[in-house]
Amino acid sequence: MYAEEDFSYRGQRKNRILLRELLTYHGYEVIEATDGQEGIKAAGEQMPALILMDLQMPVMDGFDAINILKNAPETKDIKIIAVTSFAMKGDRERALAAGADDYIAKPIDIKQMSEMVKRYIA
């Protein structure tokens, strides 16, 4: 599952399309959400093997969404990779403290992302 804001003018839609294409090319089924709250709902309903969670989203940011997912009994074991294009000092540590299993900054290195996804879904 991939949760990311849907603001075309900021290039986020392009990022979501790129990641969706990359994941489907490698044979993964992709469920999309456009904000943290929608991502939590989709995760609870679909129980994905892995969540790629953007940290900067409307309604509820990725930090809060990760924290909620990792503290809910039904979703606590889902692996989550935090993804951000606004890599600020301390974001990695903050994402991991919220419960993310890993962290990757945009622009996405396709090889690195592919290897990371394989590692968590294997």
C-alpha atoms as a PDB file:
ATOM      1  CA  MET A   1       0.000   0.000   0.000  1.00  0.00           C
ATOM      2  CA  TYR A   2       1.194   3.527  -0.740  1.00  0.00           C
ATOM      3  CA  ALA A   3      -0.185   6.592   1.026  1.00  0.00           C
ATOM      4  CA  GLU A   4       0.784   9.998  -0.357  1.00  0.00           C
ATOM      5  CA  GLU A   5      -0.868  13.378  -0.799  1.00  0.00           C
ATOM      6  CA  ASP A   6      -2.508  14.101  -4.158  1.00  0.00           C
ATOM      7  CA  PHE A   7      -1.249  17.565  -5.096  1.00  0.00           C
ATOM      8  CA  SER A   8      -0.354  17.540  -8.793  1.00  0.00           C
ATOM      9  CA  TYR A   9       1.237  20.981  -8.697  1.00  0.00           C
ATOM     10  CA  ARG A  10       3.830  19.822  -6.172  1.00  0.00           C
ATOM     11  CA  GLY A  11       4.739  16.758  -8.205  1.00  0.00           C
ATOM     12  CA  GLN A  12       3.315  14.382  -5.613  1.00  0.00           C
ATOM     13  CA  ARG A  13       0.908  12.749  -8.042  1.00  0.00           C
ATOM     14  CA  LYS A  14       3.873  12.007 -10.327  1.00  0.00           C
ATOM     15  CA  ASN A  15       5.743  10.421  -7.416  1.00  0.00           C
ATOM     16  CA  ARG A  16       2.750   8.245  -6.591  1.00  0.00           C
ATOM     17  CA  ILE A  17       2.370   7.181 -10.223  1.00  0.00           C
ATOM     18  CA  LEU A  18       6.099   6.388 -10.466  1.00  0.00           C
ATOM     19  CA  LEU A  19       6.038   4.252  -7.321  1.00  0.00           C
ATOM     20  CA  ARG A  20       2.824   2.511  -8.375  1.00  0.00           C
ATOM     21  CA  GLU A  21       4.342   1.686 -11.777  1.00  0.00           C
ATOM     22  CA  LEU A  22       7.575   0.450 -10.192  1.00  0.00           C
ATOM     23  CA  LEU A  23       5.736  -1.798  -7.754  1.00  0.00           C
ATOM     24  CA  THR A  24       3.243  -3.194 -10.277  1.00  0.00           C
ATOM     25  CA  TYR A  25       6.097  -3.830 -12.731  1.00  0.00           C
ATOM     26  CA  HIS A  26       7.670  -6.060 -10.077  1.00  0.00           C
ATOM     27  CA  GLY A  27       4.382  -7.911  -9.597  1.00  0.00           C
ATOM     28  CA  TYR A  28       3.103  -6.249  -6.426  1.00  0.00           C
ATOM     29  CA  GLU A  29      -0.542  -5.299  -5.946  1.00  0.00           C
ATOM     30  CA  VAL A  30      -0.783  -1.624  -4.987  1.00  0.00           C
ATOM     31  CA  ILE A  31      -3.489  -0.015  -2.855  1.00  0.00           C
ATOM     32  CA  GLU A  32      -3.353   3.790  -2.815  1.00  0.00           C
ATOM     33  CA  ALA A  33      -4.419   6.379  -0.253  1.00  0.00           C
ATOM     34  CA  THR A  34      -4.106  10.165  -0.511  1.00  0.00           C
ATOM     35  CA  ASP A  35      -3.798  11.092   3.164  1.00  0.00           C
ATOM     36  CA  GLY A  36      -2.867   9.516   6.482  1.00  0.00           C
ATOM     37  CA  GLN A  37      -6.427   8.983   7.642  1.00  0.00           C
ATOM     38  CA  GLU A  38      -7.357   7.240   4.388  1.00  0.00           C
ATOM     39  CA  GLY A  39      -4.173   5.170   4.694  1.00  0.00           C
ATOM     40  CA  ILE A  40      -5.105   3.964   8.179  1.00  0.00           C
ATOM     41  CA  LYS A  41      -8.572   2.965   6.986  1.00  0.00           C
ATOM     42  CA  ALA A  42      -7.207   1.137   3.918  1.00  0.00           C
ATOM     43  CA  ALA A  43      -4.567  -0.664   5.990  1.00  0.00           C
ATOM     44  CA  GLY A  44      -7.171  -1.906   8.456  1.00  0.00           C
ATOM     45  CA  GLU A  45      -9.432  -3.140   5.665  1.00  0.00           C
ATOM     46  CA  GLN A  46      -6.805  -4.583   3.298  1.00  0.00           C
ATOM     47  CA  MET A  47      -4.026  -5.682   5.683  1.00  0.00           C
ATOM     48  CA  PRO A  48      -1.161  -5.108   3.212  1.00  0.00           C
ATOM     49  CA  ALA A  49       2.217  -6.806   3.630  1.00  0.00           C
ATOM     50  CA  LEU A  50       3.989  -3.430   3.422  1.00  0.00           C
ATOM     51  CA  ILE A  51       3.060   0.249   3.602  1.00  0.00           C
ATOM     52  CA  LEU A  52       5.040   3.043   1.947  1.00  0.00           C
ATOM     53  CA  MET A  53       3.955   6.075   3.968  1.00  0.00           C
ATOM     54  CA  ASP A  54       4.675   9.623   2.850  1.00  0.00           C
ATOM     55  CA  LEU A  55       5.410  11.799   5.861  1.00  0.00           C
ATOM     56  CA  GLN A  56       3.923  15.071   4.567  1.00  0.00           C
ATOM     57  CA  MET A  57       0.214  14.637   3.790  1.00  0.00           C
ATOM     58  CA  PRO A  58      -2.998  16.561   4.426  1.00  0.00           C
ATOM     59  CA  VAL A  59      -5.624  15.591   7.027  1.00  0.00           C
ATOM     60  CA  MET A  60      -3.110  13.506   9.018  1.00  0.00           C
ATOM     61  CA  ASP A  61       0.632  13.402   8.420  1.00  0.00           C
ATOM     62  CA  GLY A  62       2.599  10.201   8.030  1.00  0.00           C
ATOM     63  CA  PHE A  63       4.211  10.453  11.473  1.00  0.00           C
ATOM     64  CA  ASP A  64       0.817  10.307  13.192  1.00  0.00           C
ATOM     65  CA  ALA A  65      -0.528   7.660  10.811  1.00  0.00           C
ATOM     66  CA  ILE A  66       2.495   5.414  11.427  1.00  0.00           C
ATOM     67  CA  ASN A  67       2.118   5.820  15.178  1.00  0.00           C
ATOM     68  CA  ILE A  68      -1.574   4.881  15.046  1.00  0.00           C
ATOM     69  CA  LEU A  69      -0.944   1.861  12.794  1.00  0.00           C
ATOM     70  CA  LYS A  70       1.888   0.560  14.972  1.00  0.00           C
ATOM     71  CA  ASN A  71      -0.192   0.928  18.143  1.00  0.00           C
ATOM     72  CA  ALA A  72      -3.292  -0.820  16.792  1.00  0.00           C
ATOM     73  CA  PRO A  73      -3.343  -4.580  17.499  1.00  0.00           C
ATOM     74  CA  GLU A  74      -4.606  -5.473  14.020  1.00  0.00           C
ATOM     75  CA  THR A  75      -1.993  -3.438  12.082  1.00  0.00           C
ATOM     76  CA  LYS A  76       1.014  -3.339  14.439  1.00  0.00           C
ATOM     77  CA  ASP A  77       2.917  -6.041  12.534  1.00  0.00           C
ATOM     78  CA  ILE A  78       2.572  -4.459   9.071  1.00  0.00           C
ATOM     79  CA  LYS A  79       5.975  -3.258   7.875  1.00  0.00           C
ATOM     80  CA  ILE A  80       6.100   0.477   7.110  1.00  0.00           C
ATOM     81  CA  ILE A  81       8.674   2.377   5.075  1.00  0.00           C
ATOM     82  CA  ALA A  82       8.508   6.149   5.624  1.00  0.00           C
ATOM     83  CA  VAL A  83       8.967   8.132   2.406  1.00  0.00           C
ATOM     84  CA  THR A  84       9.590  11.878   2.155  1.00  0.00           C
ATOM     85  CA  SER A  85      10.752  14.562  -0.237  1.00  0.00           C
ATOM     86  CA  PHE A  86      11.100  17.067   2.591  1.00  0.00           C
ATOM     87  CA  ALA A  87      14.026  15.326   4.269  1.00  0.00           C
ATOM     88  CA  MET A  88      14.724  17.540   7.245  1.00  0.00           C
ATOM     89  CA  LYS A  89      17.315  16.861   9.899  1.00  0.00           C
ATOM     90  CA  GLY A  90      15.773  14.488  12.403  1.00  0.00           C
ATOM     91  CA  ASP A  91      12.980  13.202  10.106  1.00  0.00           C
ATOM     92  CA  ARG A  92      14.520   9.743   9.842  1.00  0.00           C
ATOM     93  CA  GLU A  93      14.824   9.448  13.612  1.00  0.00           C
ATOM     94  CA  ARG A  94      11.316  10.854  14.123  1.00  0.00           C
ATOM     95  CA  ALA A  95       9.827   8.398  11.584  1.00  0.00           C
ATOM     96  CA  LEU A  96      11.599   5.453  13.205  1.00  0.00           C
ATOM     97  CA  ALA A  97      10.488   6.649  16.656  1.00  0.00           C
ATOM     98  CA  ALA A  98       6.882   6.760  15.374  1.00  0.00           C
ATOM     99  CA  GLY A  99       7.251   3.093  14.434  1.00  0.00           C
ATOM    100  CA  ALA A 100       8.455   3.059  10.826  1.00  0.00           C
ATOM    101  CA  ASP A 101      10.582   0.028  10.006  1.00  0.00           C
ATOM    102  CA  ASP A 102      12.689   1.945   7.491  1.00  0.00           C
ATOM    103  CA  TYR A 103      13.032   5.336   5.796  1.00  0.00           C
ATOM    104  CA  ILE A 104      13.790   6.520   2.269  1.00  0.00           C
ATOM    105  CA  ALA A 105      14.111  10.071   0.930  1.00  0.00           C
ATOM    106  CA  LYS A 106      12.935  11.306  -2.464  1.00  0.00           C
ATOM    107  CA  PRO A 107      13.943  11.463  -5.180  1.00  0.00           C
ATOM    108  CA  ILE A 108      13.593   7.714  -4.982  1.00  0.00           C
ATOM    109  CA  ASP A 109      16.566   5.619  -6.011  1.00  0.00           C
ATOM    110  CA  ILE A 110      14.708   2.898  -7.934  1.00  0.00           C
ATOM    111  CA  LYS A 111      17.274   0.185  -7.202  1.00  0.00           C
ATOM    112  CA  GLN A 112      17.372   1.047  -3.492  1.00  0.00           C
ATOM    113  CA  MET A 113      13.562   1.124  -3.276  1.00  0.00           C
ATOM    114  CA  SER A 114      13.214  -2.206  -5.103  1.00  0.00           C
ATOM    115  CA  GLU A 115      15.716  -3.861  -2.770  1.00  0.00           C
ATOM    116  CA  MET A 116      14.052  -2.383   0.306  1.00  0.00           C
ATOM    117  CA  VAL A 117      10.587  -3.572  -0.750  1.00  0.00           C
ATOM    118  CA  LYS A 118      11.915  -7.075  -1.490  1.00  0.00           C
ATOM    119  CA  ARG A 119      13.608  -7.192   1.912  1.00  0.00           C
ATOM    120  CA  TYR A 120      10.366  -6.447   3.757  1.00  0.00           C
ATOM    121  CA  ILE A 121       8.012  -8.533   1.636  1.00  0.00           C
ATOM    122  CA  ALA A 122      10.222 -11.616   1.233  1.00  0.00           C
END
